C-alpha atoms as a PDB file:
ATOM      1  CA  UNK A   1     110.276  96.438  81.013  1.00  0.00           C
ATOM      2  CA  UNK A   2     113.047  94.018  81.630  1.00  0.00           C
ATOM      3  CA  UNK A   3     114.692  95.762  78.852  1.00  0.00           C
ATOM      4  CA  UNK A   4     114.142 100.019  79.421  1.00  0.00           C
ATOM      5  CA  UNK A   5     115.337  99.231  83.370  1.00  0.00           C
ATOM      6  CA  UNK A   6     118.830 101.541  83.848  1.00  0.00           C
ATOM      7  CA  UNK A   7     121.316 101.880  85.981  1.00  0.00           C
ATOM      8  CA  UNK A   8     122.470 105.932  86.129  1.00  0.00           C
ATOM      9  CA  UNK A   9     125.803 106.987  85.643  1.00  0.00           C
ATOM     10  CA  UNK A  10     125.772 108.691  88.830  1.00  0.00           C
ATOM     11  CA  UNK A  11     125.186 105.198  90.658  1.00  0.00           C
ATOM     12  CA  UNK A  12     127.912 103.492  88.131  1.00  0.00           C
ATOM     13  CA  UNK A  13     130.614 106.041  89.321  1.00  0.00           C
ATOM     14  CA  UNK A  14     129.428 105.094  93.245  1.00  0.00           C
ATOM     15  CA  UNK A  15     129.979 101.592  92.853  1.00  0.00           C
ATOM     16  CA  UNK A  16     131.137 100.455  89.630  1.00  0.00           C
ATOM     17  CA  UNK A  17     131.497  96.360  91.004  1.00  0.00           C
ATOM     18  CA  UNK A  18     127.222  96.859  90.892  1.00  0.00           C
ATOM     19  CA  UNK A  19     124.937  93.957  89.232  1.00  0.00           C
ATOM     20  CA  UNK A  20     121.634  93.151  89.327  1.00  0.00           C
ATOM     21  CA  UNK A  21     119.921  90.205  87.926  1.00  0.00           C
ATOM     22  CA  UNK A  22     116.180  91.453  86.631  1.00  0.00           C
ATOM     23  CA  UNK A  23     114.134  89.092  86.621  1.00  0.00           C
ATOM     24  CA  UNK A  24     109.920  89.011  85.584  1.00  0.00           C
ATOM     25  CA  UNK A  25     106.945  86.470  86.379  1.00  0.00           C
ATOM     26  CA  UNK A  26     104.238  87.025  84.545  1.00  0.00           C
ATOM     27  CA  UNK A  27     100.487  84.663  85.451  1.00  0.00           C
ATOM     28  CA  UNK A  28     102.023  84.387  89.380  1.00  0.00           C
ATOM     29  CA  UNK A  29      98.599  82.634  91.116  1.00  0.00           C
ATOM     30  CA  UNK A  30      99.767  84.436  94.526  1.00  0.00           C
ATOM     31  CA  UNK A  31      98.136  83.410  97.996  1.00  0.00           C
ATOM     32  CA  UNK A  32      98.284  83.409 102.043  1.00  0.00           C
ATOM     33  CA  UNK A  33     102.216  81.724 103.547  1.00  0.00           C
ATOM     34  CA  UNK A  34     101.311  77.943 103.527  1.00  0.00           C
ATOM     35  CA  UNK A  35     103.600  75.121 104.911  1.00  0.00           C
ATOM     36  CA  UNK A  36     105.074  75.190 101.990  1.00  0.00           C
ATOM     37  CA  UNK A  37     106.382  78.662 102.021  1.00  0.00           C
ATOM     38  CA  UNK A  38     107.061  78.895 106.059  1.00  0.00           C
ATOM     39  CA  UNK A  39     109.294  75.624 105.413  1.00  0.00           C
ATOM     40  CA  UNK A  40     111.604  78.007 102.660  1.00  0.00           C
ATOM     41  CA  UNK A  41     112.112  80.323 104.980  1.00  0.00           C
ATOM     42  CA  UNK A  42     112.880  77.776 108.214  1.00  0.00           C
ATOM     43  CA  UNK A  43     115.162  76.228 105.797  1.00  0.00           C
ATOM     44  CA  UNK A  44     116.962  79.424 104.884  1.00  0.00           C
ATOM     45  CA  UNK A  45     116.953  80.256 108.553  1.00  0.00           C
ATOM     46  CA  UNK A  46     119.454  77.360 109.512  1.00  0.00           C
ATOM     47  CA  UNK A  47     121.587  78.200 106.157  1.00  0.00           C
ATOM     48  CA  UNK A  48     122.171  82.304 106.945  1.00  0.00           C
ATOM     49  CA  UNK A  49     125.009  83.687 107.643  1.00  0.00           C
ATOM     50  CA  UNK A  50     125.076  86.983 109.074  1.00  0.00           C
ATOM     51  CA  UNK A  51     128.757  87.662 108.483  1.00  0.00           C
ATOM     52  CA  UNK A  52     128.915  87.119 104.574  1.00  0.00           C
ATOM     53  CA  UNK A  53     130.593  89.526 102.908  1.00  0.00           C
ATOM     54  CA  UNK A  54     128.223  91.010 100.463  1.00  0.00           C
ATOM     55  CA  UNK A  55     126.769  92.477 104.149  1.00  0.00           C
ATOM     56  CA  UNK A  56     129.962  94.494 104.508  1.00  0.00           C
ATOM     57  CA  UNK A  57     129.863  94.929 100.997  1.00  0.00           C
ATOM     58  CA  UNK A  58     126.702  96.436 100.985  1.00  0.00           C
ATOM     59  CA  UNK A  59     127.355  98.794 104.285  1.00  0.00           C
ATOM     60  CA  UNK A  60     130.202 100.794 102.365  1.00  0.00           C
ATOM     61  CA  UNK A  61     127.856 101.500 100.050  1.00  0.00           C
ATOM     62  CA  UNK A  62     125.568 103.039 101.630  1.00  0.00           C
ATOM     63  CA  UNK A  63     128.237 105.174 103.705  1.00  0.00           C
ATOM     64  CA  UNK A  64     129.325 106.051 100.062  1.00  0.00           C
ATOM     65  CA  UNK A  65     125.959 107.739  99.944  1.00  0.00           C
ATOM     66  CA  UNK A  66     125.360 109.262 103.146  1.00  0.00           C
ATOM     67  CA  UNK A  67     122.988 106.600 104.524  1.00  0.00           C
ATOM     68  CA  UNK A  68     123.860 105.460 108.267  1.00  0.00           C
ATOM     69  CA  UNK A  69     124.581 101.248 107.601  1.00  0.00           C
ATOM     70  CA  UNK A  70     123.829 100.591 111.203  1.00  0.00           C
ATOM     71  CA  UNK A  71     120.705 103.050 111.673  1.00  0.00           C
ATOM     72  CA  UNK A  72     119.132 102.158 108.069  1.00  0.00           C
ATOM     73  CA  UNK A  73     120.559  98.992 106.830  1.00  0.00           C
ATOM     74  CA  UNK A  74     120.885  97.443 104.284  1.00  0.00           C
ATOM     75  CA  UNK A  75     117.981  94.409 103.585  1.00  0.00           C
ATOM     76  CA  UNK A  76     119.871  91.780 103.138  1.00  0.00           C
ATOM     77  CA  UNK A  77     122.151  92.543 106.396  1.00  0.00           C
ATOM     78  CA  UNK A  78     118.145  93.333 108.208  1.00  0.00           C
ATOM     79  CA  UNK A  79     116.841  89.510 106.797  1.00  0.00           C
ATOM     80  CA  UNK A  80     119.611  87.732 108.182  1.00  0.00           C
ATOM     81  CA  UNK A  81     119.885  89.289 111.609  1.00  0.00           C
ATOM     82  CA  UNK A  82     116.091  87.970 111.982  1.00  0.00           C
ATOM     83  CA  UNK A  83     116.320  85.286 109.821  1.00  0.00           C
ATOM     84  CA  UNK A  84     114.935  82.770 113.121  1.00  0.00           C
ATOM     85  CA  UNK A  85     112.488  84.960 113.205  1.00  0.00           C
ATOM     86  CA  UNK A  86     111.141  86.405 109.931  1.00  0.00           C
ATOM     87  CA  UNK A  87     107.110  86.761 109.304  1.00  0.00           C
ATOM     88  CA  UNK A  88     105.413  84.762 106.637  1.00  0.00           C
ATOM     89  CA  UNK A  89     104.008  87.113 104.514  1.00  0.00           C
ATOM     90  CA  UNK A  90     102.349  85.676 101.652  1.00  0.00           C
ATOM     91  CA  UNK A  91     103.567  82.446  99.395  1.00  0.00           C
ATOM     92  CA  UNK A  92     105.559  85.021  96.515  1.00  0.00           C
ATOM     93  CA  UNK A  93     107.291  87.429  99.565  1.00  0.00           C
ATOM     94  CA  UNK A  94     108.246  84.170 101.658  1.00  0.00           C
ATOM     95  CA  UNK A  95     109.814  82.004  98.541  1.00  0.00           C
ATOM     96  CA  UNK A  96     112.182  85.047  98.415  1.00  0.00           C
ATOM     97  CA  UNK A  97     113.111  86.783 101.133  1.00  0.00           C
ATOM     98  CA  UNK A  98     113.826  82.625 102.287  1.00  0.00           C
ATOM     99  CA  UNK A  99     116.021  83.091  98.422  1.00  0.00           C
ATOM    100  CA  UNK A 100     117.634  86.602 100.330  1.00  0.00           C
ATOM    101  CA  UNK A 101     118.383  85.022 103.641  1.00  0.00           C
ATOM    102  CA  UNK A 102     120.057  81.535 101.533  1.00  0.00           C
ATOM    103  CA  UNK A 103     122.431  83.472  99.331  1.00  0.00           C
ATOM    104  CA  UNK A 104     122.758  86.260 101.537  1.00  0.00           C
ATOM    105  CA  UNK A 105     121.525  89.033  99.012  1.00  0.00           C
ATOM    106  CA  UNK A 106     119.228  91.846  98.571  1.00  0.00           C
ATOM    107  CA  UNK A 107     116.446  91.128  96.775  1.00  0.00           C
ATOM    108  CA  UNK A 108     112.968  93.536  95.423  1.00  0.00           C
ATOM    109  CA  UNK A 109     109.923  92.061  95.376  1.00  0.00           C
ATOM    110  CA  UNK A 110     107.625  94.734  92.954  1.00  0.00           C
ATOM    111  CA  UNK A 111     104.254  94.428  91.494  1.00  0.00           C
ATOM    112  CA  UNK A 112     104.969  95.094  87.484  1.00  0.00           C
ATOM    113  CA  UNK A 113     101.064  96.387  87.332  1.00  0.00           C
ATOM    114  CA  UNK A 114     101.683  99.180  90.118  1.00  0.00           C
ATOM    115  CA  UNK A 115     103.963 100.770  87.841  1.00  0.00           C
ATOM    116  CA  UNK A 116     104.258 103.656  85.922  1.00  0.00           C
ATOM    117  CA  UNK A 117     107.258 103.495  83.314  1.00  0.00           C
ATOM    118  CA  UNK A 118     110.368 101.272  83.559  1.00  0.00           C
ATOM    119  CA  UNK A 119     112.117 100.716  86.628  1.00  0.00           C
ATOM    120  CA  UNK A 120     115.271 102.479  87.080  1.00  0.00           C
ATOM    121  CA  UNK A 121     117.888 103.355  89.809  1.00  0.00           C
ATOM    122  CA  UNK A 122     119.800 106.758  90.236  1.00  0.00           C
ATOM    123  CA  UNK A 123     120.675 109.820  92.693  1.00  0.00           C
ATOM    124  CA  UNK A 124     117.713 110.845  94.453  1.00  0.00           C
ATOM    125  CA  UNK A 125     117.262 115.050  93.497  1.00  0.00           C
ATOM    126  CA  UNK A 126     114.925 114.687  96.747  1.00  0.00           C
ATOM    127  CA  UNK A 127     111.381 116.005  95.586  1.00  0.00           C
ATOM    128  CA  UNK A 128     110.635 111.898  94.424  1.00  0.00           C
ATOM    129  CA  UNK A 129     107.635 110.604  96.601  1.00  0.00           C
ATOM    130  CA  UNK A 130     107.605 107.856  98.806  1.00  0.00           C
ATOM    131  CA  UNK A 131     104.379 106.199  99.881  1.00  0.00           C
ATOM    132  CA  UNK A 132     104.250 105.119 103.192  1.00  0.00           C
ATOM    133  CA  UNK A 133     102.019 104.419 105.755  1.00  0.00           C
ATOM    134  CA  UNK A 134     102.564 105.432 109.061  1.00  0.00           C
ATOM    135  CA  UNK A 135     100.527 104.902 112.275  1.00  0.00           C
ATOM    136  CA  UNK A 136      98.725 103.201 109.669  1.00  0.00           C
ATOM    137  CA  UNK A 137      97.159 106.003 107.910  1.00  0.00           C
ATOM    138  CA  UNK A 138      98.972 106.447 104.218  1.00  0.00           C
ATOM    139  CA  UNK A 139     102.029 108.908 104.086  1.00  0.00           C
ATOM    140  CA  UNK A 140     104.537 110.830 102.175  1.00  0.00           C
ATOM    141  CA  UNK A 141     107.573 110.923 102.478  1.00  0.00           C
ATOM    142  CA  UNK A 142     110.955 112.557 100.338  1.00  0.00           C
ATOM    143  CA  UNK A 143     114.295 110.836  99.732  1.00  0.00           C
ATOM    144  CA  UNK A 144     117.371 112.886 101.046  1.00  0.00           C
ATOM    145  CA  UNK A 145     119.293 114.357  97.996  1.00  0.00           C
ATOM    146  CA  UNK A 146     121.930 112.020  96.226  1.00  0.00           C
ATOM    147  CA  UNK A 147     120.454 109.235  97.955  1.00  0.00           C
ATOM    148  CA  UNK A 148     120.242 105.933  96.132  1.00  0.00           C
ATOM    149  CA  UNK A 149     116.996 104.948  94.966  1.00  0.00           C
ATOM    150  CA  UNK A 150     114.927 102.572  92.361  1.00  0.00           C
ATOM    151  CA  UNK A 151     112.137 104.906  91.064  1.00  0.00           C
ATOM    152  CA  UNK A 152     109.447 104.696  87.951  1.00  0.00           C
ATOM    153  CA  UNK A 153     107.574 107.461  86.341  1.00  0.00           C
ATOM    154  CA  UNK A 154     105.061 108.865  89.663  1.00  0.00           C
ATOM    155  CA  UNK A 155     108.009 108.325  92.537  1.00  0.00           C
ATOM    156  CA  UNK A 156     110.753 105.923  94.613  1.00  0.00           C
ATOM    157  CA  UNK A 157     109.899 102.432  94.794  1.00  0.00           C
ATOM    158  CA  UNK A 158     112.704 101.434  97.754  1.00  0.00           C
ATOM    159  CA  UNK A 159     114.385 103.794  99.132  1.00  0.00           C
ATOM    160  CA  UNK A 160     117.966 103.802  99.953  1.00  0.00           C
ATOM    161  CA  UNK A 161     118.980 101.458  97.324  1.00  0.00           C
ATOM    162  CA  UNK A 162     117.153  98.113  98.958  1.00  0.00           C
ATOM    163  CA  UNK A 163     116.151  99.652 102.478  1.00  0.00           C
ATOM    164  CA  UNK A 164     112.304  99.876 102.427  1.00  0.00           C
ATOM    165  CA  UNK A 165     109.444  99.234  99.637  1.00  0.00           C
ATOM    166  CA  UNK A 166     107.254 102.024  99.244  1.00  0.00           C
ATOM    167  CA  UNK A 167     103.314 100.726  99.675  1.00  0.00           C
ATOM    168  CA  UNK A 168     102.067 101.056  95.851  1.00  0.00           C
ATOM    169  CA  UNK A 169     104.177  98.201  94.524  1.00  0.00           C
ATOM    170  CA  UNK A 170     104.780  95.953  97.231  1.00  0.00           C
ATOM    171  CA  UNK A 171     103.699  92.266  96.400  1.00  0.00           C
ATOM    172  CA  UNK A 172     100.619  90.856  97.721  1.00  0.00           C
ATOM    173  CA  UNK A 173      98.568  87.869  98.014  1.00  0.00           C
ATOM    174  CA  UNK A 174      96.850  89.742  93.980  1.00  0.00           C
ATOM    175  CA  UNK A 175      99.980  90.039  92.378  1.00  0.00           C
ATOM    176  CA  UNK A 176     100.073  88.504  89.326  1.00  0.00           C
ATOM    177  CA  UNK A 177     103.315  90.171  87.113  1.00  0.00           C
ATOM    178  CA  UNK A 178     106.058  90.875  89.045  1.00  0.00           C
ATOM    179  CA  UNK A 179     109.693  91.951  89.042  1.00  0.00           C
ATOM    180  CA  UNK A 180     112.323  90.729  90.767  1.00  0.00           C
ATOM    181  CA  UNK A 181     115.449  92.395  91.573  1.00  0.00           C
ATOM    182  CA  UNK A 182     118.734  90.669  92.649  1.00  0.00           C
ATOM    183  CA  UNK A 183     121.662  93.051  93.723  1.00  0.00           C
ATOM    184  CA  UNK A 184     124.775  92.434  93.719  1.00  0.00           C
ATOM    185  CA  UNK A 185     128.161  94.300  95.134  1.00  0.00           C
ATOM    186  CA  UNK A 186     131.823  92.451  95.040  1.00  0.00           C
ATOM    187  CA  UNK A 187     133.015  90.204  95.822  1.00  0.00           C
ATOM    188  CA  UNK A 188     129.887  88.536  95.494  1.00  0.00           C
ATOM    189  CA  UNK A 189     130.344  85.971  92.937  1.00  0.00           C
ATOM    190  CA  UNK A 190     127.975  86.480  89.131  1.00  0.00           C
ATOM    191  CA  UNK A 191     127.609  82.362  89.356  1.00  0.00           C
ATOM    192  CA  UNK A 192     126.428  82.540  92.950  1.00  0.00           C
ATOM    193  CA  UNK A 193     123.920  85.699  91.557  1.00  0.00           C
ATOM    194  CA  UNK A 194     122.797  83.539  89.103  1.00  0.00           C
ATOM    195  CA  UNK A 195     122.035  80.275  91.075  1.00  0.00           C
ATOM    196  CA  UNK A 196     119.767  82.731  93.322  1.00  0.00           C
ATOM    197  CA  UNK A 197     118.062  83.706  90.646  1.00  0.00           C
ATOM    198  CA  UNK A 198     117.267  79.936  89.607  1.00  0.00           C
ATOM    199  CA  UNK A 199     116.282  78.880  93.435  1.00  0.00           C
ATOM    200  CA  UNK A 200     113.599  81.603  92.603  1.00  0.00           C
ATOM    201  CA  UNK A 201     112.049  80.355  89.868  1.00  0.00           C
ATOM    202  CA  UNK A 202     112.085  77.274  90.759  1.00  0.00           C
ATOM    203  CA  UNK A 203     110.160  78.451  94.115  1.00  0.00           C
ATOM    204  CA  UNK A 204     107.107  80.339  92.342  1.00  0.00           C
ATOM    205  CA  UNK A 205     106.922  76.896  89.573  1.00  0.00           C
ATOM    206  CA  UNK A 206     106.138  75.159  92.331  1.00  0.00           C
ATOM    207  CA  UNK A 207     103.450  78.194  93.524  1.00  0.00           C
ATOM    208  CA  UNK A 208     102.450  78.968  90.216  1.00  0.00           C
ATOM    209  CA  UNK A 209     103.123  76.337  87.893  1.00  0.00           C
ATOM    210  CA  UNK A 210     102.219  78.156  84.857  1.00  0.00           C
ATOM    211  CA  UNK A 211     104.297  81.288  85.129  1.00  0.00           C
ATOM    212  CA  UNK A 212     106.492  82.849  82.189  1.00  0.00           C
ATOM    213  CA  UNK A 213     109.570  84.006  83.793  1.00  0.00           C
ATOM    214  CA  UNK A 214     112.468  86.481  82.325  1.00  0.00           C
ATOM    215  CA  UNK A 215     115.663  87.479  82.924  1.00  0.00           C
ATOM    216  CA  UNK A 216     118.051  90.233  82.302  1.00  0.00           C
ATOM    217  CA  UNK A 217     122.016  90.813  83.839  1.00  0.00           C
ATOM    218  CA  UNK A 218     122.333  94.363  83.891  1.00  0.00           C
ATOM    219  CA  UNK A 219     125.744  94.298  84.830  1.00  0.00           C
END
């Protein structure tokens, strides 16, 4: 899938400085959170810096497409604000949440096997379905017109750039093949972006020594 992922020109016009490091991880053996993955979360909490300038860059990006970043916070902002109390989800999710906090970087984690067609970052028309759980029951919502969304052929996979992921493609304990999206805006250094990718790759190899990892920088 990596070679098919695209960022639409309308998103480039909004933020020409946007870059995303794409990573596929095939052959994962995931499972419940354990002492190792919970240790990654605790270590990341000690390094968390909510004042990192990357957070402000994401606030500005959200404002540019009409979102209110203090009401629907970019994922990195939300994680950094609760870094001391991050819930353990499963080993892979713990791994990328820890890297996100440590590197002050939005990271999306997706189950590739639940995708229909390639991922792409676009401005929403407003009629793309977004699968959620409301009060314990499956429901469908829709993005605002012009909202920046990740999507596939079936619908929205993440709303407001990196605010909230859909239920369909989230990583679970049964996930075998995953896609990770490391999203960067200036002034975040590209070298730091790549370092975050290396850090997650190292953790995934601890979880699954035989995992096959590939990356692509899309800028």
